[in-house]
N, C-alpha and C. Protein backbone atom coordinates (compact mmCIF):
# COMPACT_ATOMS: atom_id res chain seq x y z
N UNK A 1 34.96 11.86 13.32
CA UNK A 1 34.32 12.62 14.17
C UNK A 1 33.50 11.77 15.20
N UNK A 2 33.77 12.27 16.41
CA UNK A 2 32.69 11.52 17.81
C UNK A 2 31.50 11.96 17.79
N UNK A 3 30.52 11.28 17.95
CA UNK A 3 29.02 11.72 17.83
C UNK A 3 28.58 10.96 19.35
N UNK A 4 28.13 11.64 20.16
CA UNK A 4 27.72 11.18 21.45
C UNK A 4 26.08 11.54 21.38
N UNK A 5 25.22 10.42 21.27
CA UNK A 5 23.82 10.62 21.16
C UNK A 5 23.17 10.50 22.69
N UNK A 6 22.54 11.54 23.07
CA UNK A 6 21.64 11.21 24.23
C UNK A 6 21.10 9.89 24.68
N UNK A 7 20.34 9.52 23.42
CA UNK A 7 19.65 8.07 23.77
C UNK A 7 20.40 7.16 23.95
N UNK A 8 21.91 7.10 23.31
CA UNK A 8 22.83 5.84 23.38
C UNK A 8 23.69 6.09 24.33
N UNK A 9 23.47 6.64 25.47
CA UNK A 9 24.19 6.83 26.79
C UNK A 9 24.30 5.35 27.19
N UNK A 10 25.95 5.26 27.62
CA UNK A 10 26.11 3.93 28.22
C UNK A 10 26.51 4.16 29.70
N UNK A 11 26.28 5.44 30.23
CA UNK A 11 26.30 5.87 31.62
C UNK A 11 25.04 6.69 31.90
N UNK A 12 24.16 6.36 32.49
CA UNK A 12 22.88 7.17 32.53
C UNK A 12 22.83 8.07 33.59
N UNK A 13 23.92 7.89 34.65
CA UNK A 13 24.23 9.01 35.69
C UNK A 13 25.05 10.00 35.69
N UNK A 14 25.49 10.46 34.16
CA UNK A 14 26.49 11.45 34.14
C UNK A 14 26.19 12.68 34.59
N UNK A 15 24.92 13.26 34.89
CA UNK A 15 24.45 14.62 35.29
C UNK A 15 24.99 14.37 36.67
N UNK A 16 24.83 13.48 37.41
CA UNK A 16 25.50 13.45 38.90
C UNK A 16 27.03 13.01 38.84
N UNK A 17 27.40 12.18 38.21
CA UNK A 17 28.88 11.71 38.20
C UNK A 17 29.72 12.85 38.04
N UNK A 18 29.51 13.60 36.73
CA UNK A 18 30.41 14.71 36.45
C UNK A 18 30.65 15.80 37.44
N UNK A 19 29.34 16.29 38.04
CA UNK A 19 29.79 17.16 39.41
C UNK A 19 30.49 16.53 40.33
N UNK A 20 30.18 15.23 40.75
CA UNK A 20 30.53 14.60 42.06
C UNK A 20 32.23 14.58 41.39
N UNK A 21 32.73 14.14 40.34
CA UNK A 21 33.90 13.98 40.10
C UNK A 21 34.81 15.45 40.03
N UNK A 22 34.10 16.23 39.71
CA UNK A 22 34.85 17.80 39.82
C UNK A 22 34.97 18.13 41.24
N UNK A 23 33.85 17.93 41.92
CA UNK A 23 33.94 18.35 43.34
C UNK A 23 35.21 17.57 44.05
N UNK A 24 35.20 16.32 43.84
CA UNK A 24 36.20 15.74 44.58
C UNK A 24 37.78 16.40 43.98
N UNK A 25 37.65 16.50 42.54
CA UNK A 25 39.13 17.19 42.45
C UNK A 25 39.36 18.50 43.00
N UNK A 26 38.19 19.38 43.28
CA UNK A 26 38.34 20.70 43.89
C UNK A 26 38.79 20.30 45.25
N UNK A 27 38.23 19.51 45.89
CA UNK A 27 38.64 19.13 47.24
C UNK A 27 40.09 18.69 47.32
N UNK A 28 40.28 17.93 46.40
CA UNK A 28 41.77 17.50 46.19
C UNK A 28 42.63 18.84 46.07
N UNK A 29 42.60 19.66 44.92
CA UNK A 29 43.25 20.72 44.90
C UNK A 29 42.98 21.93 46.01
N UNK A 30 42.15 21.96 46.77
CA UNK A 30 42.23 22.89 47.77
C UNK A 30 42.40 22.50 48.97
N UNK A 31 42.56 20.95 49.35
CA UNK A 31 42.88 20.76 50.55
C UNK A 31 41.56 20.50 51.33
N UNK A 32 40.32 20.87 50.87
CA UNK A 32 39.09 20.71 51.78
C UNK A 32 38.56 19.36 52.01
N UNK A 33 38.16 19.17 53.08
CA UNK A 33 37.29 17.71 53.52
C UNK A 33 36.18 17.69 52.60
N UNK A 34 35.89 16.65 51.79
CA UNK A 34 34.78 16.45 51.21
C UNK A 34 33.80 15.59 51.85
N UNK A 35 32.54 16.35 52.28
CA UNK A 35 31.35 15.59 52.85
C UNK A 35 30.21 15.55 52.06
N UNK A 36 29.30 14.81 52.39
CA UNK A 36 27.94 14.77 51.82
C UNK A 36 26.67 15.27 52.59
N UNK A 37 27.05 15.75 53.74
CA UNK A 37 26.17 16.38 54.46
C UNK A 37 26.85 17.83 54.88
N UNK A 38 25.98 18.93 55.01
CA UNK A 38 26.58 19.96 55.51
C UNK A 38 27.05 19.96 57.07
N UNK A 39 27.97 20.80 57.33
CA UNK A 39 28.44 21.00 58.53
C UNK A 39 27.93 22.35 59.44
N UNK A 40 27.78 22.15 60.56
CA UNK A 40 27.34 23.41 61.53
C UNK A 40 28.46 24.43 61.48
N UNK A 41 29.80 23.90 61.18
CA UNK A 41 30.69 24.96 61.46
C UNK A 41 31.16 25.64 60.06
N UNK A 42 32.20 26.26 59.80
CA UNK A 42 32.66 26.79 58.63
C UNK A 42 32.79 25.90 57.64
N UNK A 43 31.97 26.01 56.32
CA UNK A 43 31.89 24.88 55.05
C UNK A 43 31.53 25.87 53.95
N UNK A 44 31.83 25.17 52.66
CA UNK A 44 31.48 25.67 51.59
C UNK A 44 30.60 24.44 50.95
N UNK A 45 29.58 24.97 50.12
CA UNK A 45 28.88 24.08 49.51
C UNK A 45 29.11 24.48 47.92
N UNK A 46 29.11 23.24 47.23
CA UNK A 46 29.47 23.73 45.70
C UNK A 46 28.17 22.89 44.98
N UNK A 47 27.61 23.74 44.27
CA UNK A 47 26.49 23.15 43.30
C UNK A 47 27.03 23.05 41.98
N UNK A 48 27.16 21.97 40.97
CA UNK A 48 27.17 21.90 39.74
C UNK A 48 26.30 21.46 38.87
N UNK A 49 26.18 22.41 37.66
CA UNK A 49 25.09 21.88 36.69
C UNK A 49 25.61 21.65 35.53
N UNK A 50 25.70 20.45 34.77
CA UNK A 50 26.26 20.20 33.63
C UNK A 50 25.37 20.96 32.45
N UNK A 51 25.71 21.89 31.59
CA UNK A 51 24.78 22.62 30.73
C UNK A 51 25.14 21.77 29.26
N UNK A 52 26.25 21.52 29.08
CA UNK A 52 26.49 21.09 27.85
C UNK A 52 28.01 20.06 27.98
N UNK A 53 27.96 19.02 27.03
CA UNK A 53 28.94 17.84 27.13
C UNK A 53 28.99 17.57 25.58
N UNK A 54 29.79 18.15 24.57
CA UNK A 54 29.42 17.69 23.37
C UNK A 54 30.85 17.72 22.49
N UNK A 55 31.03 17.71 21.22
CA UNK A 55 32.04 17.50 20.39
C UNK A 55 31.90 18.76 19.49
N UNK A 56 32.70 19.49 19.25
CA UNK A 56 32.37 20.70 18.38
C UNK A 56 33.70 21.29 17.81
N UNK A 57 33.65 21.31 16.42
CA UNK A 57 35.06 21.57 15.76
C UNK A 57 36.09 20.81 16.09
N UNK A 58 36.16 19.63 16.31
CA UNK A 58 37.20 18.86 16.70
C UNK A 58 37.75 19.00 18.29
N UNK A 59 36.78 19.54 19.10
CA UNK A 59 37.13 19.68 20.46
C UNK A 59 36.06 19.20 21.31
N UNK A 60 36.34 18.44 22.42
CA UNK A 60 35.21 18.26 23.43
C UNK A 60 35.15 19.52 24.37
N UNK A 61 33.90 19.69 24.33
CA UNK A 61 33.50 20.71 25.20
C UNK A 61 32.59 20.39 26.31
N UNK A 62 32.89 21.03 27.38
CA UNK A 62 32.28 20.94 28.77
C UNK A 62 31.82 22.26 29.32
N UNK A 63 30.51 22.72 29.32
CA UNK A 63 30.13 23.91 29.75
C UNK A 63 29.27 23.45 31.07
N UNK A 64 29.63 24.24 32.26
CA UNK A 64 28.98 24.05 33.61
C UNK A 64 28.56 25.50 34.34
N UNK A 65 27.62 25.27 34.99
CA UNK A 65 27.07 26.53 35.81
C UNK A 65 27.42 26.08 37.25
N UNK A 66 27.89 26.98 38.05
CA UNK A 66 28.53 26.67 39.07
C UNK A 66 27.87 27.47 40.37
N UNK A 67 27.53 27.22 41.57
CA UNK A 67 27.39 28.25 42.45
C UNK A 67 28.04 27.95 43.98
N UNK A 68 28.67 28.48 44.31
CA UNK A 68 29.50 28.40 45.90
C UNK A 68 28.76 29.12 46.65
N UNK A 69 28.63 27.96 47.89
CA UNK A 69 27.67 29.17 48.79
C UNK A 69 28.77 28.71 50.37
N UNK A 70 29.15 29.84 51.01
CA UNK A 70 29.78 29.62 52.36
C UNK A 70 28.73 29.71 53.42
N UNK A 71 28.81 28.70 54.27
CA UNK A 71 28.47 28.59 55.57
C UNK A 71 27.08 28.45 55.51
N UNK A 72 26.30 28.03 54.11
CA UNK A 72 24.87 27.72 54.06
C UNK A 72 24.18 29.20 53.75
N UNK A 73 24.88 30.18 53.27
CA UNK A 73 24.39 31.27 52.92
C UNK A 73 23.86 31.24 51.39
N UNK A 74 22.83 31.47 51.04
CA UNK A 74 22.18 31.37 49.69
C UNK A 74 22.82 32.39 48.79
N UNK A 75 23.37 33.52 49.37
CA UNK A 75 23.89 34.50 48.27
C UNK A 75 25.22 34.20 48.44
N UNK A 76 25.69 33.39 47.28
CA UNK A 76 27.04 32.68 47.05
C UNK A 76 27.70 33.60 45.68
N UNK A 77 28.64 32.83 45.26
CA UNK A 77 29.19 33.28 44.01
C UNK A 77 28.91 32.34 42.95
N UNK A 78 28.24 32.97 41.83
CA UNK A 78 27.95 32.09 40.69
C UNK A 78 28.61 32.08 39.54
N UNK A 79 28.74 31.30 38.71
CA UNK A 79 29.77 31.59 37.40
C UNK A 79 29.52 30.20 36.65
N UNK A 80 29.58 30.53 35.25
CA UNK A 80 29.69 29.71 34.23
C UNK A 80 30.88 29.19 33.68
N UNK A 81 31.29 28.28 33.21
CA UNK A 81 32.68 27.93 32.83
C UNK A 81 32.52 27.03 31.61
N UNK A 82 33.34 27.16 30.77
CA UNK A 82 33.36 26.35 29.61
C UNK A 82 34.80 26.09 29.06
N UNK A 83 34.91 24.86 29.00
CA UNK A 83 36.19 24.20 28.68
C UNK A 83 36.41 23.58 27.61
N UNK A 84 37.41 23.63 26.47
CA UNK A 84 37.69 22.94 25.33
C UNK A 84 38.85 22.11 25.47
N UNK A 85 39.08 20.67 25.02
CA UNK A 85 40.22 20.45 24.82
C UNK A 85 40.12 19.50 23.53
N UNK A 86 41.12 19.49 22.68
CA UNK A 86 41.34 18.71 21.40
C UNK A 86 41.07 17.53 21.57
N UNK A 87 40.43 16.87 20.53
CA UNK A 87 40.34 15.30 20.61
C UNK A 87 41.48 14.67 20.11
N UNK A 88 41.78 13.65 20.41
CA UNK A 88 43.23 13.24 19.54
C UNK A 88 42.94 12.19 18.68
N UNK A 89 41.83 11.61 18.67
CA UNK A 89 41.15 10.81 17.77
C UNK A 89 39.47 10.76 17.86
N UNK A 90 39.34 9.91 17.07
CA UNK A 90 37.58 9.62 16.87
C UNK A 90 36.83 8.71 17.79
N UNK A 91 37.74 8.12 18.83
CA UNK A 91 36.86 7.16 19.65
C UNK A 91 36.35 7.79 20.91
N UNK A 92 35.55 6.82 21.61
CA UNK A 92 35.02 7.11 22.90
C UNK A 92 36.03 7.47 23.96
N UNK A 93 37.26 6.56 23.68
CA UNK A 93 38.38 6.90 24.80
C UNK A 93 39.01 8.14 24.77
N UNK A 94 39.07 8.56 23.39
CA UNK A 94 39.64 9.87 23.08
C UNK A 94 38.61 11.04 23.89
N UNK A 95 37.37 10.69 23.48
CA UNK A 95 36.37 12.00 24.05
C UNK A 95 36.45 11.93 25.58
N UNK A 96 36.49 10.79 26.25
CA UNK A 96 36.66 10.53 27.81
C UNK A 96 37.94 11.21 28.24
N UNK A 97 38.92 11.05 27.69
CA UNK A 97 40.52 11.57 27.88
C UNK A 97 40.18 13.06 27.94
N UNK A 98 39.63 13.63 26.66
CA UNK A 98 39.54 15.20 26.49
C UNK A 98 38.66 15.81 27.60
N UNK A 99 37.37 15.06 27.97
CA UNK A 99 36.38 15.45 28.98
C UNK A 99 37.40 15.44 30.32
N UNK A 100 38.06 14.48 30.74
CA UNK A 100 38.90 14.46 31.76
C UNK A 100 39.75 15.95 32.04
N UNK A 101 40.44 16.10 30.96
CA UNK A 101 41.12 17.36 30.73
C UNK A 101 40.28 18.57 31.20
N UNK A 102 38.88 18.73 30.48
CA UNK A 102 38.13 19.70 30.81
C UNK A 102 37.68 19.82 32.28
N UNK A 103 37.57 18.68 32.83
CA UNK A 103 36.97 18.41 34.26
C UNK A 103 38.18 18.94 35.03
N UNK A 104 39.42 18.62 34.70
CA UNK A 104 40.58 19.03 35.59
C UNK A 104 40.66 20.71 35.50
N UNK A 105 40.23 21.27 34.22
CA UNK A 105 40.41 22.61 34.22
C UNK A 105 39.23 23.33 35.10
N UNK A 106 37.98 22.72 34.89
CA UNK A 106 37.02 23.38 35.80
C UNK A 106 37.48 23.32 37.32
N UNK A 107 37.68 22.19 37.70
CA UNK A 107 38.14 22.23 39.15
C UNK A 107 39.16 23.05 39.69
N UNK A 108 40.23 23.32 38.80
CA UNK A 108 41.06 24.51 39.04
C UNK A 108 40.54 25.66 39.13
N UNK A 109 39.54 26.03 38.38
CA UNK A 109 39.10 27.42 38.27
C UNK A 109 38.27 27.46 39.61
N UNK A 110 37.60 26.43 40.00
CA UNK A 110 36.69 26.46 41.11
C UNK A 110 37.36 26.59 42.23
N UNK A 111 38.56 25.88 42.44
CA UNK A 111 39.12 25.66 43.67
C UNK A 111 39.96 27.16 44.13
N UNK A 112 40.06 28.01 42.78
CA UNK A 112 40.95 29.24 42.72
C UNK A 112 39.56 30.36 43.32
N UNK A 113 38.53 30.08 43.04
CA UNK A 113 37.43 30.99 43.45
C UNK A 113 37.06 30.84 44.74
N UNK A 114 37.07 29.51 45.23
CA UNK A 114 36.92 29.14 46.74
C UNK A 114 38.00 29.77 47.46
N UNK A 115 39.43 29.61 47.10
CA UNK A 115 40.33 30.25 47.85
C UNK A 115 40.10 31.56 47.99
N UNK A 116 40.14 32.37 46.74
CA UNK A 116 39.77 33.70 46.78
C UNK A 116 38.58 34.22 47.75
N UNK A 117 37.88 33.54 48.02
CA UNK A 117 36.82 34.10 49.09
C UNK A 117 36.92 33.69 50.32
N UNK A 118 37.75 32.71 50.81
CA UNK A 118 38.02 32.32 52.17
C UNK A 118 38.13 33.50 53.08
């Protein structure tokens, strides 16, 4: 069993690194240009909050809350997403691999949501 304890984190910036990685994957999937500053012309802003990242029942689980805003409007599309991927083994590398799959699943869902609202 893999156990990740918050106080033993080897990467302190996971809260920002995970949304950034998912955002880049969404940009890849959607063909959008990824910028760190809002444009004046038509643009999409994606907010991602990591709610949970853990191991449960032999699966790596990733829960996210996301908000998509179009052209700076605060009334956007909100969704929560949970992905689970089976762990191949008990190592940290297995956990990272499974969570990478979860991040890809989340990026796919978000890129579809963005495409549907265009």
